[in-house]
Protein backbone atom coordinates (compact mmCIF):
# COMPACT_ATOMS: atom_id res chain seq x y z
CA MET A 1 -3.35 46.50 4.55
CA LYS A 2 -4.75 43.77 6.92
CA THR A 3 -2.12 40.74 7.95
CA LEU A 4 -3.66 37.39 8.57
CA THR A 5 -1.96 35.42 11.51
CA PHE A 6 -2.75 31.96 12.10
CA CYS A 7 -1.34 31.50 15.70
CA SER A 8 -2.47 33.84 18.50
CA ASN A 9 1.13 34.73 19.33
CA ILE A 10 4.08 33.93 16.92
CA GLU A 11 6.75 35.87 19.24
CA THR A 12 5.61 33.12 22.23
CA ALA A 13 5.90 30.07 19.91
CA VAL A 14 9.49 30.97 18.55
CA THR A 15 10.85 32.32 22.07
CA ASN A 16 9.64 29.16 23.59
CA THR A 17 11.19 26.92 21.11
CA ARG A 18 14.38 28.99 20.37
CA HIS A 19 15.74 30.11 23.74
CA ARG A 20 15.27 27.18 25.47
CA GLN A 21 18.19 25.90 27.72
CA THR A 22 18.19 22.92 29.64
CA ALA A 23 20.53 21.15 31.81
CA PRO A 24 22.53 18.42 30.39
CA ALA A 25 21.04 14.92 32.02
CA VAL A 26 23.21 11.91 32.26
CA GLY A 27 22.54 9.76 29.40
CA ARG A 28 18.96 8.75 30.17
CA THR A 29 17.52 9.18 26.29
CA ALA A 30 19.35 9.81 23.08
CA ILE A 31 18.44 13.45 23.06
CA ASP A 32 20.77 13.62 26.38
CA TRP A 33 23.29 11.41 24.94
CA LEU A 34 23.51 13.76 21.85
CA GLY A 35 24.35 16.77 24.36
CA HIS A 36 27.34 15.03 25.52
CA ASP A 37 29.17 15.10 22.16
CA ALA A 38 30.15 17.89 20.34
CA HIS A 39 29.29 16.75 17.03
CA GLY A 40 25.90 15.53 18.45
CA ALA A 41 25.13 18.81 20.10
CA ASN A 42 25.68 20.51 16.82
CA VAL A 43 23.21 18.04 15.23
CA LEU A 44 20.63 18.64 18.22
CA ALA A 45 21.00 22.52 18.08
CA THR A 46 20.18 22.26 14.11
CA ALA A 47 17.18 20.01 14.68
CA ASN A 48 15.56 22.44 17.29
CA GLN A 49 16.31 25.08 15.00
CA MET A 50 14.63 23.80 12.34
CA LEU A 51 11.71 22.58 14.32
CA ALA A 52 11.46 25.96 15.99
CA MET A 53 11.65 27.70 12.29
CA GLU A 54 8.97 25.00 11.10
CA LYS A 55 6.84 26.01 14.37
CA ALA A 56 7.17 29.47 13.43
CA ALA A 57 6.39 29.30 9.73
CA ARG A 58 3.19 27.16 10.28
CA CYS A 59 1.83 30.03 12.52
CA LEU A 60 2.21 32.31 9.41
CA MET A 61 0.07 30.16 6.92
CA PRO A 62 -3.23 28.62 6.80
CA PRO A 63 -3.77 25.27 9.12
CA ALA A 64 -4.29 23.10 5.88
CA LEU A 65 -1.00 24.11 4.32
CA GLY A 66 0.84 24.22 7.41
CA LYS A 67 -0.03 20.67 8.31
CA THR A 68 1.71 19.47 4.93
CA CYS A 69 4.76 21.84 5.05
CA HIS A 70 7.93 20.73 6.28
CA VAL A 71 11.60 22.70 6.79
CA ALA A 72 14.05 20.70 4.78
CA LYS A 73 16.78 22.86 5.02
CA LEU A 74 18.12 26.10 6.73
CA ASP A 75 21.44 27.07 4.93
CA ARG A 76 22.71 30.61 5.68
CA GLN A 77 19.63 33.20 4.84
CA GLN A 78 17.76 30.50 3.05
CA LEU A 79 15.04 28.53 4.11
CA THR A 80 13.79 25.30 1.97
CA LEU A 81 10.33 24.26 2.83
CA VAL A 82 9.06 20.78 1.09
CA VAL A 83 5.25 20.09 0.39
CA PRO A 84 3.96 16.76 -1.17
CA GLY A 85 2.59 18.47 -4.33
CA ALA A 86 2.43 20.94 -6.85
CA ALA A 87 -0.85 22.60 -5.67
CA HIS A 88 0.82 23.00 -2.08
CA ALA A 89 3.98 24.29 -3.68
CA SER A 90 2.13 27.02 -5.78
CA ARG A 91 -0.05 27.79 -2.55
CA LEU A 92 2.97 28.19 -0.64
CA ARG A 93 4.53 30.36 -3.00
CA GLN A 94 1.85 32.89 -3.10
CA PHE A 95 2.44 33.03 1.05
CA THR A 96 6.55 33.32 1.01
CA PRO A 97 6.47 37.34 1.40
CA ARG A 98 3.99 37.29 4.15
CA ILE A 99 6.04 34.31 5.84
CA LEU A 100 9.47 36.09 5.22
CA ALA A 101 8.14 39.34 6.66
CA GLY A 102 6.56 37.54 9.70
CA LEU A 103 9.84 35.51 10.51
CA ALA A 104 12.03 38.58 10.19
CA ALA A 105 9.76 40.49 12.65
CA SER A 106 10.08 37.52 14.91
CA GLY A 107 13.86 37.59 14.92
CA TRP A 108 14.65 35.03 11.92
CA ASN A 109 17.55 36.49 9.45
CA LEU A 110 16.03 35.12 6.12
CA ASN A 111 16.39 36.16 2.65
CA GLU A 112 14.78 33.78 0.66
CA ILE A 113 12.41 30.76 0.81
CA ILE A 114 12.73 27.99 -1.63
CA VAL A 115 9.67 25.63 -2.10
CA LYS A 116 10.51 21.98 -3.12
CA ILE A 117 7.97 19.09 -3.95
CA GLN A 118 8.80 15.92 -1.87
CA ALA A 119 5.77 13.47 -2.84
CA ASP A 120 6.59 11.18 0.17
CA ILE A 121 6.45 13.17 3.02
CA SER A 122 2.66 12.59 3.20
CA ARG A 123 2.65 8.76 3.34
CA SER A 124 3.25 8.80 7.17
CA GLU A 125 -0.26 10.23 7.87
CA THR A 126 -2.21 7.58 5.53
CA ILE A 127 -5.03 6.09 7.63
CA PRO A 128 -6.08 2.54 6.82
CA ARG A 129 -9.30 1.83 5.08
CA PRO A 130 -11.70 -0.23 7.26
CA GLY A 131 -12.58 -3.79 6.37
CA LYS A 132 -15.56 -4.69 4.42
CA GLN A 133 -18.74 -5.38 6.61
CA ALA A 134 -21.30 -7.82 5.31
CA ASN A 135 -24.76 -8.12 6.94
CA PRO A 136 -25.97 -11.75 6.47
CA LEU A 137 -29.52 -12.23 4.71
CA GLY A 138 -32.24 -12.79 7.36
CA GLN A 139 -34.88 -15.57 6.66
CA PRO A 140 -37.35 -12.99 4.73
CA GLY A 141 -34.61 -11.65 2.43
CA LEU A 142 -33.77 -15.61 1.80
CA LEU A 143 -37.49 -16.10 1.15
CA ALA A 144 -37.72 -13.26 -1.36
CA PHE A 145 -34.78 -14.41 -3.20
CA SER A 146 -36.30 -18.08 -3.59
CA VAL A 147 -39.20 -16.96 -4.89
CA LEU A 148 -37.73 -14.46 -7.32
CA ARG A 149 -35.47 -17.56 -8.53
CA GLU A 150 -38.61 -19.67 -9.39
CA GLN A 151 -40.07 -16.77 -11.21
CA LEU A 152 -36.83 -15.91 -13.16
CA PRO A 153 -35.84 -17.62 -16.74
CA GLU A 154 -32.85 -19.56 -17.13
CA GLY A 155 -29.72 -16.88 -17.68
CA PRO A 156 -26.90 -15.24 -15.84
CA LEU A 157 -29.15 -13.37 -13.33
CA ALA A 158 -31.02 -16.72 -12.02
CA ASP A 159 -27.59 -18.40 -11.90
CA ALA A 160 -26.44 -15.54 -9.54
CA ILE A 161 -29.53 -15.74 -7.40
CA SER A 162 -28.98 -19.49 -7.25
CA ARG A 163 -25.33 -18.81 -5.99
CA LEU A 164 -26.32 -16.32 -3.73
CA LEU A 165 -28.80 -18.65 -2.20
CA GLU A 166 -26.28 -21.45 -1.92
CA ARG A 167 -23.65 -19.18 -0.13
CA HIS A 168 -26.51 -17.96 2.48
CA GLY A 169 -28.28 -21.46 3.41
CA ASN A 170 -29.82 -22.53 0.31
CA THR A 171 -33.42 -22.33 1.13
CA PRO A 172 -35.53 -20.28 4.33
CA SER A 173 -37.20 -22.68 6.68
């Protein structure tokens, strides 16, 4: 049976993030500040563990699915992953045996992966839509519309062309 791997070396990705030891610095950043308190250090260690687990799990799934999948909870031997929709959840459930096997091979002690839907996680990646771009009518266009307006009988089309000509300079010169 052929196994698919979406990252070139999962062991390196996991080892680099799981076993990184840094010397405590004097409170220059929020992360440094968290490391000085016992409770803060525990929160920081949990966050680093969840980030490492997310990175390792993303290496075991297709890139499109990995971009939308996030680790929500790591409790005992259960990993909870959240995705933005039912289609993602269905696809992720198909990959859970392979993800479990890959994570176990790289040193994570997990028995179960729970997949949950959290619709608002994809909102942060929204790209704003560009504004409408309108090109002004040139002289030949204005001339063509004015000739057309003179040939049309009274009605809604003639009124619309008249409004268009008023907005764009009434008559061509």
